[in-house]
């Protein structure tokens, strides 16, 4: 998995590509969220359009990011989920926790 973070306005946009299956790469995403928080940014949009698959450890990482942001009064949005990811979020009922948007731009706009 590859992660990339950029700041758009006051939102950390984290792009994930590949398989979110745990390990150091998955931890990198949470590290990037913590880095954004340390810079005073408490809003994040995670672009999942390049995520091929997410297992339970990947879902756990998304929850850890969500909790880290929530503890600082912030929020996490998901964007660009594949059908596989949407199905997994639905099966685990995490779709009731995460706000999801078709595009990253929509997710960023939702913070305004």
C-alpha atoms as a PDB file:
ATOM      1  CA  UNK A   1       0.000   0.000   0.000  1.00  0.00           C
ATOM      2  CA  UNK A   2       1.096   3.552  -0.715  1.00  0.00           C
ATOM      3  CA  UNK A   3      -0.001   6.625   1.206  1.00  0.00           C
ATOM      4  CA  UNK A   4       0.304  10.262   0.328  1.00  0.00           C
ATOM      5  CA  UNK A   5      -0.864  13.289   2.292  1.00  0.00           C
ATOM      6  CA  UNK A   6      -1.423  16.828   1.108  1.00  0.00           C
ATOM      7  CA  UNK A   7      -3.176  19.752   2.749  1.00  0.00           C
ATOM      8  CA  UNK A   8      -6.044  21.352   0.825  1.00  0.00           C
ATOM      9  CA  UNK A   9      -7.367  24.461   2.560  1.00  0.00           C
ATOM     10  CA  UNK A  10      -7.530  23.208   6.158  1.00  0.00           C
ATOM     11  CA  UNK A  11      -8.161  19.540   5.302  1.00  0.00           C
ATOM     12  CA  UNK A  12      -5.579  16.750   5.266  1.00  0.00           C
ATOM     13  CA  UNK A  13      -6.206  14.684   2.137  1.00  0.00           C
ATOM     14  CA  UNK A  14      -4.750  11.208   2.419  1.00  0.00           C
ATOM     15  CA  UNK A  15      -4.639   9.085  -0.711  1.00  0.00           C
ATOM     16  CA  UNK A  16      -4.355   5.315  -0.290  1.00  0.00           C
ATOM     17  CA  UNK A  17      -3.364   2.963  -3.103  1.00  0.00           C
ATOM     18  CA  UNK A  18      -3.073  -0.799  -3.028  1.00  0.00           C
ATOM     19  CA  UNK A  19      -4.189  -3.263  -0.383  1.00  0.00           C
ATOM     20  CA  UNK A  20      -4.795  -2.109   3.185  1.00  0.00           C
ATOM     21  CA  UNK A  21      -3.797  -5.313   4.892  1.00  0.00           C
ATOM     22  CA  UNK A  22      -1.977  -4.092   7.974  1.00  0.00           C
ATOM     23  CA  UNK A  23       1.716  -3.688   8.537  1.00  0.00           C
ATOM     24  CA  UNK A  24       3.963  -0.629   8.426  1.00  0.00           C
ATOM     25  CA  UNK A  25       2.248   0.840   5.364  1.00  0.00           C
ATOM     26  CA  UNK A  26      -1.124   0.877   7.097  1.00  0.00           C
ATOM     27  CA  UNK A  27       0.418   2.444  10.193  1.00  0.00           C
ATOM     28  CA  UNK A  28       1.829   5.177   7.944  1.00  0.00           C
ATOM     29  CA  UNK A  29      -1.672   6.468   7.258  1.00  0.00           C
ATOM     30  CA  UNK A  30      -2.401   6.867  10.968  1.00  0.00           C
ATOM     31  CA  UNK A  31       0.984   8.529  11.427  1.00  0.00           C
ATOM     32  CA  UNK A  32       0.070  11.047   8.720  1.00  0.00           C
ATOM     33  CA  UNK A  33      -3.221  11.829  10.451  1.00  0.00           C
ATOM     34  CA  UNK A  34      -1.348  12.385  13.721  1.00  0.00           C
ATOM     35  CA  UNK A  35       1.110  14.635  11.892  1.00  0.00           C
ATOM     36  CA  UNK A  36      -1.784  16.722  10.534  1.00  0.00           C
ATOM     37  CA  UNK A  37      -3.248  16.988  14.035  1.00  0.00           C
ATOM     38  CA  UNK A  38       0.115  18.169  15.377  1.00  0.00           C
ATOM     39  CA  UNK A  39      -0.018  20.946  12.743  1.00  0.00           C
ATOM     40  CA  UNK A  40      -3.437  22.040  14.011  1.00  0.00           C
ATOM     41  CA  UNK A  41      -5.438  20.317  11.283  1.00  0.00           C
ATOM     42  CA  UNK A  42      -8.338  18.275  12.638  1.00  0.00           C
ATOM     43  CA  UNK A  43     -10.190  17.484   9.396  1.00  0.00           C
ATOM     44  CA  UNK A  44      -9.191  14.678   7.065  1.00  0.00           C
ATOM     45  CA  UNK A  45     -10.494  13.130   3.868  1.00  0.00           C
ATOM     46  CA  UNK A  46      -9.256   9.663   2.967  1.00  0.00           C
ATOM     47  CA  UNK A  47      -9.290   8.911  -0.758  1.00  0.00           C
ATOM     48  CA  UNK A  48     -10.027   5.199  -1.138  1.00  0.00           C
ATOM     49  CA  UNK A  49     -10.441   5.196  -4.924  1.00  0.00           C
ATOM     50  CA  UNK A  50      -7.094   3.415  -5.305  1.00  0.00           C
ATOM     51  CA  UNK A  51      -7.666   0.925  -2.498  1.00  0.00           C
ATOM     52  CA  UNK A  52      -7.930  -2.539  -4.013  1.00  0.00           C
ATOM     53  CA  UNK A  53      -8.909  -4.274  -0.795  1.00  0.00           C
ATOM     54  CA  UNK A  54      -9.230  -3.570   2.922  1.00  0.00           C
ATOM     55  CA  UNK A  55      -9.082  -6.238   5.619  1.00  0.00           C
ATOM     56  CA  UNK A  56      -9.908  -5.917   9.317  1.00  0.00           C
ATOM     57  CA  UNK A  57      -6.531  -4.342  10.127  1.00  0.00           C
ATOM     58  CA  UNK A  58      -7.117  -1.731   7.433  1.00  0.00           C
ATOM     59  CA  UNK A  59     -10.563  -1.017   8.870  1.00  0.00           C
ATOM     60  CA  UNK A  60      -8.973  -0.777  12.316  1.00  0.00           C
ATOM     61  CA  UNK A  61      -6.535   1.803  10.964  1.00  0.00           C
ATOM     62  CA  UNK A  62      -9.421   3.891   9.584  1.00  0.00           C
ATOM     63  CA  UNK A  63     -11.121   3.705  12.990  1.00  0.00           C
ATOM     64  CA  UNK A  64      -7.885   4.726  14.731  1.00  0.00           C
ATOM     65  CA  UNK A  65      -7.647   7.763  12.430  1.00  0.00           C
ATOM     66  CA  UNK A  66     -11.301   8.587  13.107  1.00  0.00           C
ATOM     67  CA  UNK A  67     -10.803   8.362  16.882  1.00  0.00           C
ATOM     68  CA  UNK A  68      -7.595  10.425  16.834  1.00  0.00           C
ATOM     69  CA  UNK A  69      -9.395  13.202  14.957  1.00  0.00           C
ATOM     70  CA  UNK A  70     -12.554  12.971  17.075  1.00  0.00           C
ATOM     71  CA  UNK A  71     -10.481  13.297  20.246  1.00  0.00           C
ATOM     72  CA  UNK A  72      -9.267  16.663  18.920  1.00  0.00           C
ATOM     73  CA  UNK A  73     -12.762  17.827  17.919  1.00  0.00           C
ATOM     74  CA  UNK A  74     -12.205  16.873  14.305  1.00  0.00           C
ATOM     75  CA  UNK A  75     -13.738  14.627  11.704  1.00  0.00           C
ATOM     76  CA  UNK A  76     -12.772  12.051   9.095  1.00  0.00           C
ATOM     77  CA  UNK A  77     -14.496  11.660   5.740  1.00  0.00           C
ATOM     78  CA  UNK A  78     -14.099   8.859   3.203  1.00  0.00           C
ATOM     79  CA  UNK A  79     -14.151   9.419  -0.543  1.00  0.00           C
ATOM     80  CA  UNK A  80     -14.074   7.392  -3.738  1.00  0.00           C
ATOM     81  CA  UNK A  81     -14.819   3.997  -2.244  1.00  0.00           C
ATOM     82  CA  UNK A  82     -14.836   1.032  -4.576  1.00  0.00           C
ATOM     83  CA  UNK A  83     -17.809  -1.321  -4.599  1.00  0.00           C
ATOM     84  CA  UNK A  84     -15.768  -3.846  -2.568  1.00  0.00           C
ATOM     85  CA  UNK A  85     -14.993  -1.231   0.061  1.00  0.00           C
ATOM     86  CA  UNK A  86     -18.596  -0.004   0.195  1.00  0.00           C
ATOM     87  CA  UNK A  87     -19.758  -3.584   0.696  1.00  0.00           C
ATOM     88  CA  UNK A  88     -17.265  -4.180   3.502  1.00  0.00           C
ATOM     89  CA  UNK A  89     -18.240  -0.932   5.245  1.00  0.00           C
ATOM     90  CA  UNK A  90     -21.886  -1.958   4.987  1.00  0.00           C
ATOM     91  CA  UNK A  91     -21.279  -5.494   6.327  1.00  0.00           C
ATOM     92  CA  UNK A  92     -19.316  -4.178   9.299  1.00  0.00           C
ATOM     93  CA  UNK A  93     -21.827  -1.358   9.899  1.00  0.00           C
ATOM     94  CA  UNK A  94     -18.953   1.138   9.725  1.00  0.00           C
ATOM     95  CA  UNK A  95     -20.962   2.937   7.055  1.00  0.00           C
ATOM     96  CA  UNK A  96     -23.012   4.283   9.975  1.00  0.00           C
ATOM     97  CA  UNK A  97     -19.893   5.881  11.476  1.00  0.00           C
ATOM     98  CA  UNK A  98     -18.034   7.223   8.442  1.00  0.00           C
ATOM     99  CA  UNK A  99     -19.455   9.929   6.213  1.00  0.00           C
ATOM    100  CA  UNK A 100     -18.731   8.975   2.615  1.00  0.00           C
ATOM    101  CA  UNK A 101     -18.570  11.023  -0.569  1.00  0.00           C
ATOM    102  CA  UNK A 102     -18.168  10.203  -4.244  1.00  0.00           C
ATOM    103  CA  UNK A 103     -15.104  12.417  -4.701  1.00  0.00           C
ATOM    104  CA  UNK A 104     -12.395  13.969  -2.572  1.00  0.00           C
ATOM    105  CA  UNK A 105     -13.605  17.390  -3.676  1.00  0.00           C
ATOM    106  CA  UNK A 106     -17.090  16.577  -2.327  1.00  0.00           C
ATOM    107  CA  UNK A 107     -15.569  15.433   0.958  1.00  0.00           C
ATOM    108  CA  UNK A 108     -13.538  18.636   1.280  1.00  0.00           C
ATOM    109  CA  UNK A 109     -16.616  20.757   0.504  1.00  0.00           C
ATOM    110  CA  UNK A 110     -18.580  18.912   3.202  1.00  0.00           C
ATOM    111  CA  UNK A 111     -16.358  20.494   5.861  1.00  0.00           C
ATOM    112  CA  UNK A 112     -17.431  24.031   4.900  1.00  0.00           C
END
